[in-house]
């Protein structure tokens, strides 16, 4: 029988966070994420995963307390829905998404929303998958980024006005980041090392409050990269990805 469990304040220390289940280089990120998660759980934040040694989970929160530049009332926001490796094709994605939808209905929410894109993009939920499950595009931002929603009552959320800018004054490489994803600390380390080696000016902006997250100047799920004043990607970088990105 397939079993899933929710991370709670009681089990968060002992349970693995399956998004970073392997690799010692991400252990520091796991510890940071768990600390961040413990603070979010009382807000209604949910991290539900397969009770197995695999990357199968969904993470969502009330939109009002979700650290994203999306605004609306009485919605749940999905940060991440991930099924990988040998666990694909077994219905886990649909099971987890249905759990979130039913949870929203139990709470008398107006619906569920998620940031996606017209083209499949790393670190964003696949548009085709949520479309098959009733989600529709309710808002768009230049670059092909879309806000998808499953509305129960006809109301819809929207990107914040600040997010529509997708530009900043700083012309150097600038990264906005939170403590939510276990991959972020190592990503920051690799970016800093590469920029140091290549003498590339780098500005790191810690998104450490809900207010900052709601008023960011572009798309953000837990990471956003800008260069020469323009938004580039939500892809968490390593040296190789950064090198290719700056070469384009």
C-alpha atoms as a PDB file:
ATOM      1  CA  UNK A   1       0.000   0.000   0.000  1.00  0.00           C
ATOM      2  CA  UNK A   2       1.305   3.448  -0.963  1.00  0.00           C
ATOM      3  CA  UNK A   3       1.784   5.655   2.092  1.00  0.00           C
ATOM      4  CA  UNK A   4       2.557   9.354   2.363  1.00  0.00           C
ATOM      5  CA  UNK A   5       3.499  11.383   5.412  1.00  0.00           C
ATOM      6  CA  UNK A   6       3.429  15.077   6.267  1.00  0.00           C
ATOM      7  CA  UNK A   7       6.372  16.852   7.830  1.00  0.00           C
ATOM      8  CA  UNK A   8       5.416  18.180  11.268  1.00  0.00           C
ATOM      9  CA  UNK A   9       7.177  20.081  14.023  1.00  0.00           C
ATOM     10  CA  UNK A  10       7.613  16.745  15.815  1.00  0.00           C
ATOM     11  CA  UNK A  11       9.141  14.740  12.944  1.00  0.00           C
ATOM     12  CA  UNK A  12      10.956  17.410  10.924  1.00  0.00           C
ATOM     13  CA  UNK A  13      14.294  16.684  12.586  1.00  0.00           C
ATOM     14  CA  UNK A  14      14.168  12.944  11.858  1.00  0.00           C
ATOM     15  CA  UNK A  15      12.543  12.851   8.411  1.00  0.00           C
ATOM     16  CA  UNK A  16      14.553  13.342   5.230  1.00  0.00           C
ATOM     17  CA  UNK A  17      13.626  16.140   2.836  1.00  0.00           C
ATOM     18  CA  UNK A  18      13.454  14.155  -0.365  1.00  0.00           C
ATOM     19  CA  UNK A  19      14.289  17.064  -2.681  1.00  0.00           C
ATOM     20  CA  UNK A  20      17.901  16.740  -1.450  1.00  0.00           C
ATOM     21  CA  UNK A  21      17.996  13.115  -0.409  1.00  0.00           C
ATOM     22  CA  UNK A  22      21.478  12.436  -1.779  1.00  0.00           C
ATOM     23  CA  UNK A  23      24.775  14.286  -1.769  1.00  0.00           C
ATOM     24  CA  UNK A  24      26.717  15.559   1.225  1.00  0.00           C
ATOM     25  CA  UNK A  25      27.243  18.924  -0.458  1.00  0.00           C
ATOM     26  CA  UNK A  26      23.565  19.734   0.162  1.00  0.00           C
ATOM     27  CA  UNK A  27      23.463  18.734   3.836  1.00  0.00           C
ATOM     28  CA  UNK A  28      23.975  22.302   5.038  1.00  0.00           C
ATOM     29  CA  UNK A  29      21.060  23.309   2.830  1.00  0.00           C
ATOM     30  CA  UNK A  30      18.867  20.594   4.331  1.00  0.00           C
ATOM     31  CA  UNK A  31      19.547  21.869   7.854  1.00  0.00           C
ATOM     32  CA  UNK A  32      18.767  25.452   6.811  1.00  0.00           C
ATOM     33  CA  UNK A  33      15.590  24.355   5.043  1.00  0.00           C
ATOM     34  CA  UNK A  34      14.398  22.441   8.089  1.00  0.00           C
ATOM     35  CA  UNK A  35      14.857  25.529  10.259  1.00  0.00           C
ATOM     36  CA  UNK A  36      12.921  27.624   7.731  1.00  0.00           C
ATOM     37  CA  UNK A  37      10.238  24.938   7.509  1.00  0.00           C
ATOM     38  CA  UNK A  38       9.754  24.779  11.280  1.00  0.00           C
ATOM     39  CA  UNK A  39       8.888  28.475  11.252  1.00  0.00           C
ATOM     40  CA  UNK A  40       6.414  28.056   8.383  1.00  0.00           C
ATOM     41  CA  UNK A  41       4.512  24.981   9.630  1.00  0.00           C
ATOM     42  CA  UNK A  42       2.403  26.926  12.173  1.00  0.00           C
ATOM     43  CA  UNK A  43       1.279  29.138   9.259  1.00  0.00           C
ATOM     44  CA  UNK A  44      -0.368  26.173   7.535  1.00  0.00           C
ATOM     45  CA  UNK A  45       2.622  25.285   5.350  1.00  0.00           C
ATOM     46  CA  UNK A  46       2.502  21.646   4.143  1.00  0.00           C
ATOM     47  CA  UNK A  47       5.348  19.383   3.047  1.00  0.00           C
ATOM     48  CA  UNK A  48       3.898  15.978   2.109  1.00  0.00           C
ATOM     49  CA  UNK A  49       6.066  13.165   0.788  1.00  0.00           C
ATOM     50  CA  UNK A  50       6.109   9.515  -0.098  1.00  0.00           C
ATOM     51  CA  UNK A  51       7.160   7.400   2.876  1.00  0.00           C
ATOM     52  CA  UNK A  52      10.077   5.946   0.932  1.00  0.00           C
ATOM     53  CA  UNK A  53      13.649   6.716  -0.008  1.00  0.00           C
ATOM     54  CA  UNK A  54      12.851   8.828  -3.059  1.00  0.00           C
ATOM     55  CA  UNK A  55      12.188  12.307  -4.418  1.00  0.00           C
ATOM     56  CA  UNK A  56       8.393  12.346  -4.310  1.00  0.00           C
ATOM     57  CA  UNK A  57       6.714  15.297  -2.590  1.00  0.00           C
ATOM     58  CA  UNK A  58       4.508  18.368  -2.744  1.00  0.00           C
ATOM     59  CA  UNK A  59       5.034  21.587  -0.818  1.00  0.00           C
ATOM     60  CA  UNK A  60       2.371  24.272  -0.504  1.00  0.00           C
ATOM     61  CA  UNK A  61       1.134  27.056   1.762  1.00  0.00           C
ATOM     62  CA  UNK A  62      -1.669  29.593   2.176  1.00  0.00           C
ATOM     63  CA  UNK A  63      -1.103  32.217  -0.508  1.00  0.00           C
ATOM     64  CA  UNK A  64      -1.235  35.015   2.058  1.00  0.00           C
ATOM     65  CA  UNK A  65       1.900  33.602   3.764  1.00  0.00           C
ATOM     66  CA  UNK A  66       3.601  32.134   0.683  1.00  0.00           C
ATOM     67  CA  UNK A  67       6.965  33.745  -0.055  1.00  0.00           C
ATOM     68  CA  UNK A  68       6.197  34.566  -3.700  1.00  0.00           C
ATOM     69  CA  UNK A  69       5.236  37.751  -5.599  1.00  0.00           C
ATOM     70  CA  UNK A  70       1.672  36.508  -6.059  1.00  0.00           C
ATOM     71  CA  UNK A  71      -1.332  38.130  -4.398  1.00  0.00           C
ATOM     72  CA  UNK A  72      -4.854  36.943  -3.751  1.00  0.00           C
ATOM     73  CA  UNK A  73      -7.168  35.818  -1.004  1.00  0.00           C
ATOM     74  CA  UNK A  74      -8.070  32.412   0.382  1.00  0.00           C
ATOM     75  CA  UNK A  75      -5.903  30.339  -1.986  1.00  0.00           C
ATOM     76  CA  UNK A  76      -3.271  27.666  -1.472  1.00  0.00           C
ATOM     77  CA  UNK A  77      -0.024  28.175  -3.383  1.00  0.00           C
ATOM     78  CA  UNK A  78       2.097  25.221  -4.574  1.00  0.00           C
ATOM     79  CA  UNK A  79       5.827  25.871  -4.286  1.00  0.00           C
ATOM     80  CA  UNK A  80       6.969  22.543  -5.635  1.00  0.00           C
ATOM     81  CA  UNK A  81       5.590  19.216  -6.872  1.00  0.00           C
ATOM     82  CA  UNK A  82       8.332  16.730  -7.705  1.00  0.00           C
ATOM     83  CA  UNK A  83       8.331  13.070  -8.699  1.00  0.00           C
ATOM     84  CA  UNK A  84      11.619  11.713 -10.041  1.00  0.00           C
ATOM     85  CA  UNK A  85      13.475   8.601 -11.064  1.00  0.00           C
ATOM     86  CA  UNK A  86      11.875   5.185 -10.774  1.00  0.00           C
ATOM     87  CA  UNK A  87       8.846   6.692  -9.005  1.00  0.00           C
ATOM     88  CA  UNK A  88       7.566   8.357 -12.179  1.00  0.00           C
ATOM     89  CA  UNK A  89       4.518   6.896 -13.907  1.00  0.00           C
ATOM     90  CA  UNK A  90       2.988   5.470 -10.736  1.00  0.00           C
ATOM     91  CA  UNK A  91       0.391   8.167 -10.084  1.00  0.00           C
ATOM     92  CA  UNK A  92       2.268   9.907  -7.287  1.00  0.00           C
ATOM     93  CA  UNK A  93       2.053  13.344  -8.885  1.00  0.00           C
ATOM     94  CA  UNK A  94      -1.704  13.102  -9.253  1.00  0.00           C
ATOM     95  CA  UNK A  95      -2.089  11.678  -5.732  1.00  0.00           C
ATOM     96  CA  UNK A  96      -0.135  14.541  -4.195  1.00  0.00           C
ATOM     97  CA  UNK A  97      -1.885  17.200  -6.252  1.00  0.00           C
ATOM     98  CA  UNK A  98      -5.288  15.734  -5.367  1.00  0.00           C
ATOM     99  CA  UNK A  99      -4.330  15.811  -1.689  1.00  0.00           C
ATOM    100  CA  UNK A 100      -3.576  19.530  -1.996  1.00  0.00           C
ATOM    101  CA  UNK A 101      -6.845  20.185  -3.836  1.00  0.00           C
ATOM    102  CA  UNK A 102      -8.894  18.248  -1.281  1.00  0.00           C
ATOM    103  CA  UNK A 103      -7.049  20.034   1.534  1.00  0.00           C
ATOM    104  CA  UNK A 104      -8.024  23.355  -0.029  1.00  0.00           C
ATOM    105  CA  UNK A 105     -11.662  22.253  -0.168  1.00  0.00           C
ATOM    106  CA  UNK A 106     -11.572  21.073   3.452  1.00  0.00           C
ATOM    107  CA  UNK A 107     -10.345  24.518   4.443  1.00  0.00           C
ATOM    108  CA  UNK A 108     -13.039  26.209   2.330  1.00  0.00           C
ATOM    109  CA  UNK A 109     -10.373  27.858   0.197  1.00  0.00           C
ATOM    110  CA  UNK A 110     -11.202  29.596  -3.068  1.00  0.00           C
ATOM    111  CA  UNK A 111      -8.730  27.463  -5.002  1.00  0.00           C
ATOM    112  CA  UNK A 112      -5.149  26.404  -5.603  1.00  0.00           C
ATOM    113  CA  UNK A 113      -2.498  28.203  -7.674  1.00  0.00           C
ATOM    114  CA  UNK A 114       1.062  27.664  -8.922  1.00  0.00           C
ATOM    115  CA  UNK A 115       3.658  29.476 -11.050  1.00  0.00           C
ATOM    116  CA  UNK A 116       4.430  27.698 -14.309  1.00  0.00           C
ATOM    117  CA  UNK A 117       5.654  28.609 -17.796  1.00  0.00           C
ATOM    118  CA  UNK A 118       4.675  28.128 -21.423  1.00  0.00           C
ATOM    119  CA  UNK A 119       7.814  26.039 -21.963  1.00  0.00           C
ATOM    120  CA  UNK A 120       8.919  23.421 -19.443  1.00  0.00           C
ATOM    121  CA  UNK A 121      11.277  25.180 -17.053  1.00  0.00           C
ATOM    122  CA  UNK A 122      13.517  23.693 -14.327  1.00  0.00           C
ATOM    123  CA  UNK A 123      12.324  24.433 -10.784  1.00  0.00           C
ATOM    124  CA  UNK A 124       8.763  25.269 -11.931  1.00  0.00           C
ATOM    125  CA  UNK A 125       5.739  22.962 -12.047  1.00  0.00           C
ATOM    126  CA  UNK A 126       4.965  21.487 -15.474  1.00  0.00           C
ATOM    127  CA  UNK A 127       2.100  23.388 -17.133  1.00  0.00           C
ATOM    128  CA  UNK A 128       0.730  20.384 -19.042  1.00  0.00           C
ATOM    129  CA  UNK A 129       0.401  18.343 -15.873  1.00  0.00           C
ATOM    130  CA  UNK A 130      -1.637  20.901 -13.940  1.00  0.00           C
ATOM    131  CA  UNK A 131      -3.720  21.721 -17.038  1.00  0.00           C
ATOM    132  CA  UNK A 132      -4.787  18.077 -17.196  1.00  0.00           C
ATOM    133  CA  UNK A 133      -5.999  18.488 -13.641  1.00  0.00           C
ATOM    134  CA  UNK A 134      -8.196  21.505 -14.281  1.00  0.00           C
ATOM    135  CA  UNK A 135      -5.804  24.430 -13.776  1.00  0.00           C
ATOM    136  CA  UNK A 136      -6.077  27.402 -16.129  1.00  0.00           C
ATOM    137  CA  UNK A 137      -3.854  30.391 -16.908  1.00  0.00           C
ATOM    138  CA  UNK A 138      -5.098  33.367 -14.874  1.00  0.00           C
ATOM    139  CA  UNK A 139      -2.151  35.761 -15.268  1.00  0.00           C
ATOM    140  CA  UNK A 140       0.976  36.116 -17.400  1.00  0.00           C
ATOM    141  CA  UNK A 141       4.312  37.899 -17.294  1.00  0.00           C
ATOM    142  CA  UNK A 142       6.714  38.542 -20.170  1.00  0.00           C
ATOM    143  CA  UNK A 143       9.099  35.676 -20.785  1.00  0.00           C
ATOM    144  CA  UNK A 144       6.407  33.024 -20.906  1.00  0.00           C
ATOM    145  CA  UNK A 145       5.794  32.794 -17.164  1.00  0.00           C
ATOM    146  CA  UNK A 146       2.233  32.049 -16.144  1.00  0.00           C
ATOM    147  CA  UNK A 147       0.150  31.847 -13.011  1.00  0.00           C
ATOM    148  CA  UNK A 148      -2.065  28.759 -13.127  1.00  0.00           C
ATOM    149  CA  UNK A 149      -5.096  28.375 -10.890  1.00  0.00           C
ATOM    150  CA  UNK A 150      -7.868  25.926 -10.091  1.00  0.00           C
ATOM    151  CA  UNK A 151     -10.657  28.183  -8.864  1.00  0.00           C
ATOM    152  CA  UNK A 152     -13.597  26.854  -6.868  1.00  0.00           C
ATOM    153  CA  UNK A 153     -15.566  30.105  -6.746  1.00  0.00           C
ATOM    154  CA  UNK A 154     -14.570  32.164  -9.784  1.00  0.00           C
ATOM    155  CA  UNK A 155     -12.039  34.370  -7.992  1.00  0.00           C
ATOM    156  CA  UNK A 156      -8.418  34.320  -9.171  1.00  0.00           C
ATOM    157  CA  UNK A 157      -5.023  35.393  -7.799  1.00  0.00           C
ATOM    158  CA  UNK A 158      -2.509  37.508  -9.749  1.00  0.00           C
ATOM    159  CA  UNK A 159       1.164  38.390  -9.945  1.00  0.00           C
ATOM    160  CA  UNK A 160       2.022  41.400  -7.809  1.00  0.00           C
ATOM    161  CA  UNK A 161       2.563  44.675  -9.666  1.00  0.00           C
ATOM    162  CA  UNK A 162       6.218  44.709  -8.632  1.00  0.00           C
ATOM    163  CA  UNK A 163       6.776  41.305 -10.233  1.00  0.00           C
ATOM    164  CA  UNK A 164       5.778  42.671 -13.624  1.00  0.00           C
ATOM    165  CA  UNK A 165       8.883  44.868 -13.746  1.00  0.00           C
ATOM    166  CA  UNK A 166      11.406  42.050 -14.184  1.00  0.00           C
ATOM    167  CA  UNK A 167      14.129  44.677 -14.089  1.00  0.00           C
ATOM    168  CA  UNK A 168      16.407  46.153 -11.428  1.00  0.00           C
ATOM    169  CA  UNK A 169      18.809  49.105 -11.317  1.00  0.00           C
ATOM    170  CA  UNK A 170      21.917  46.994 -10.636  1.00  0.00           C
ATOM    171  CA  UNK A 171      23.640  46.069 -13.910  1.00  0.00           C
ATOM    172  CA  UNK A 172      25.847  43.344 -12.455  1.00  0.00           C
ATOM    173  CA  UNK A 173      24.933  39.758 -11.648  1.00  0.00           C
ATOM    174  CA  UNK A 174      22.293  39.852  -8.922  1.00  0.00           C
ATOM    175  CA  UNK A 175      20.639  36.888  -7.219  1.00  0.00           C
ATOM    176  CA  UNK A 176      17.625  37.042  -4.946  1.00  0.00           C
ATOM    177  CA  UNK A 177      17.325  33.932  -2.775  1.00  0.00           C
ATOM    178  CA  UNK A 178      15.479  32.519   0.211  1.00  0.00           C
ATOM    179  CA  UNK A 179      16.292  29.712   2.650  1.00  0.00           C
ATOM    180  CA  UNK A 180      13.519  27.480   1.348  1.00  0.00           C
ATOM    181  CA  UNK A 181      15.362  25.152  -1.039  1.00  0.00           C
ATOM    182  CA  UNK A 182      18.153  22.821   0.152  1.00  0.00           C
ATOM    183  CA  UNK A 183      20.012  23.345  -3.131  1.00  0.00           C
ATOM    184  CA  UNK A 184      20.429  27.088  -2.594  1.00  0.00           C
ATOM    185  CA  UNK A 185      23.440  27.196  -0.209  1.00  0.00           C
ATOM    186  CA  UNK A 186      25.590  25.088  -2.519  1.00  0.00           C
ATOM    187  CA  UNK A 187      24.352  27.062  -5.519  1.00  0.00           C
ATOM    188  CA  UNK A 188      25.416  30.286  -3.836  1.00  0.00           C
ATOM    189  CA  UNK A 189      28.801  28.801  -3.018  1.00  0.00           C
ATOM    190  CA  UNK A 190      29.467  27.770  -6.616  1.00  0.00           C
ATOM    191  CA  UNK A 191      28.303  31.129  -7.972  1.00  0.00           C
ATOM    192  CA  UNK A 192      30.538  33.010  -5.546  1.00  0.00           C
ATOM    193  CA  UNK A 193      33.533  30.861  -6.464  1.00  0.00           C
ATOM    194  CA  UNK A 194      32.992  31.314 -10.207  1.00  0.00           C
ATOM    195  CA  UNK A 195      32.441  35.060  -9.938  1.00  0.00           C
ATOM    196  CA  UNK A 196      35.587  35.352  -7.834  1.00  0.00           C
ATOM    197  CA  UNK A 197      37.631  33.401 -10.382  1.00  0.00           C
ATOM    198  CA  UNK A 198      36.283  35.460 -13.308  1.00  0.00           C
ATOM    199  CA  UNK A 199      36.163  38.838 -11.523  1.00  0.00           C
ATOM    200  CA  UNK A 200      32.413  39.151 -12.104  1.00  0.00           C
ATOM    201  CA  UNK A 201      30.646  41.649  -9.814  1.00  0.00           C
ATOM    202  CA  UNK A 202      28.040  39.787  -7.762  1.00  0.00           C
ATOM    203  CA  UNK A 203      25.239  41.021  -5.530  1.00  0.00           C
ATOM    204  CA  UNK A 204      23.347  38.578  -3.320  1.00  0.00           C
ATOM    205  CA  UNK A 205      19.994  39.633  -1.883  1.00  0.00           C
ATOM    206  CA  UNK A 206      18.574  37.515   0.923  1.00  0.00           C
ATOM    207  CA  UNK A 207      14.781  37.349   0.774  1.00  0.00           C
ATOM    208  CA  UNK A 208      14.287  36.873   4.492  1.00  0.00           C
ATOM    209  CA  UNK A 209      10.749  38.114   5.048  1.00  0.00           C
ATOM    210  CA  UNK A 210       7.286  37.685   3.620  1.00  0.00           C
ATOM    211  CA  UNK A 211       7.124  41.395   2.785  1.00  0.00           C
ATOM    212  CA  UNK A 212      10.291  41.220   0.689  1.00  0.00           C
ATOM    213  CA  UNK A 213       9.029  38.140  -1.149  1.00  0.00           C
ATOM    214  CA  UNK A 214       5.672  39.721  -1.994  1.00  0.00           C
ATOM    215  CA  UNK A 215       7.355  42.824  -3.431  1.00  0.00           C
ATOM    216  CA  UNK A 216      10.130  41.323  -5.534  1.00  0.00           C
ATOM    217  CA  UNK A 217      10.811  42.821  -8.999  1.00  0.00           C
ATOM    218  CA  UNK A 218      10.089  39.663 -10.986  1.00  0.00           C
ATOM    219  CA  UNK A 219       9.307  35.950 -10.933  1.00  0.00           C
ATOM    220  CA  UNK A 220      10.481  34.206  -7.770  1.00  0.00           C
ATOM    221  CA  UNK A 221       9.732  30.804  -6.267  1.00  0.00           C
ATOM    222  CA  UNK A 222      12.794  30.775  -3.990  1.00  0.00           C
ATOM    223  CA  UNK A 223      15.533  32.057  -6.363  1.00  0.00           C
ATOM    224  CA  UNK A 224      15.799  34.657  -9.137  1.00  0.00           C
ATOM    225  CA  UNK A 225      18.773  35.734 -11.272  1.00  0.00           C
ATOM    226  CA  UNK A 226      19.234  39.162 -12.893  1.00  0.00           C
ATOM    227  CA  UNK A 227      22.025  40.367 -15.168  1.00  0.00           C
ATOM    228  CA  UNK A 228      22.528  43.764 -16.790  1.00  0.00           C
ATOM    229  CA  UNK A 229      19.365  44.866 -15.064  1.00  0.00           C
ATOM    230  CA  UNK A 230      17.152  42.180 -16.592  1.00  0.00           C
ATOM    231  CA  UNK A 231      15.577  39.048 -15.132  1.00  0.00           C
ATOM    232  CA  UNK A 232      17.173  35.876 -16.507  1.00  0.00           C
ATOM    233  CA  UNK A 233      15.979  32.734 -14.736  1.00  0.00           C
ATOM    234  CA  UNK A 234      14.675  30.947 -11.642  1.00  0.00           C
ATOM    235  CA  UNK A 235      17.151  28.116 -12.303  1.00  0.00           C
ATOM    236  CA  UNK A 236      19.347  27.471  -9.262  1.00  0.00           C
ATOM    237  CA  UNK A 237      22.864  27.810 -10.639  1.00  0.00           C
ATOM    238  CA  UNK A 238      26.114  25.932 -10.476  1.00  0.00           C
ATOM    239  CA  UNK A 239      29.358  26.984 -12.164  1.00  0.00           C
ATOM    240  CA  UNK A 240      28.581  25.299 -15.496  1.00  0.00           C
ATOM    241  CA  UNK A 241      25.026  26.660 -15.734  1.00  0.00           C
ATOM    242  CA  UNK A 242      26.197  30.161 -14.823  1.00  0.00           C
ATOM    243  CA  UNK A 243      28.990  30.078 -17.411  1.00  0.00           C
ATOM    244  CA  UNK A 244      26.524  29.125 -20.168  1.00  0.00           C
ATOM    245  CA  UNK A 245      23.972  31.670 -18.983  1.00  0.00           C
ATOM    246  CA  UNK A 246      26.399  34.587 -19.105  1.00  0.00           C
ATOM    247  CA  UNK A 247      27.646  33.520 -22.529  1.00  0.00           C
ATOM    248  CA  UNK A 248      24.196  33.835 -24.137  1.00  0.00           C
END
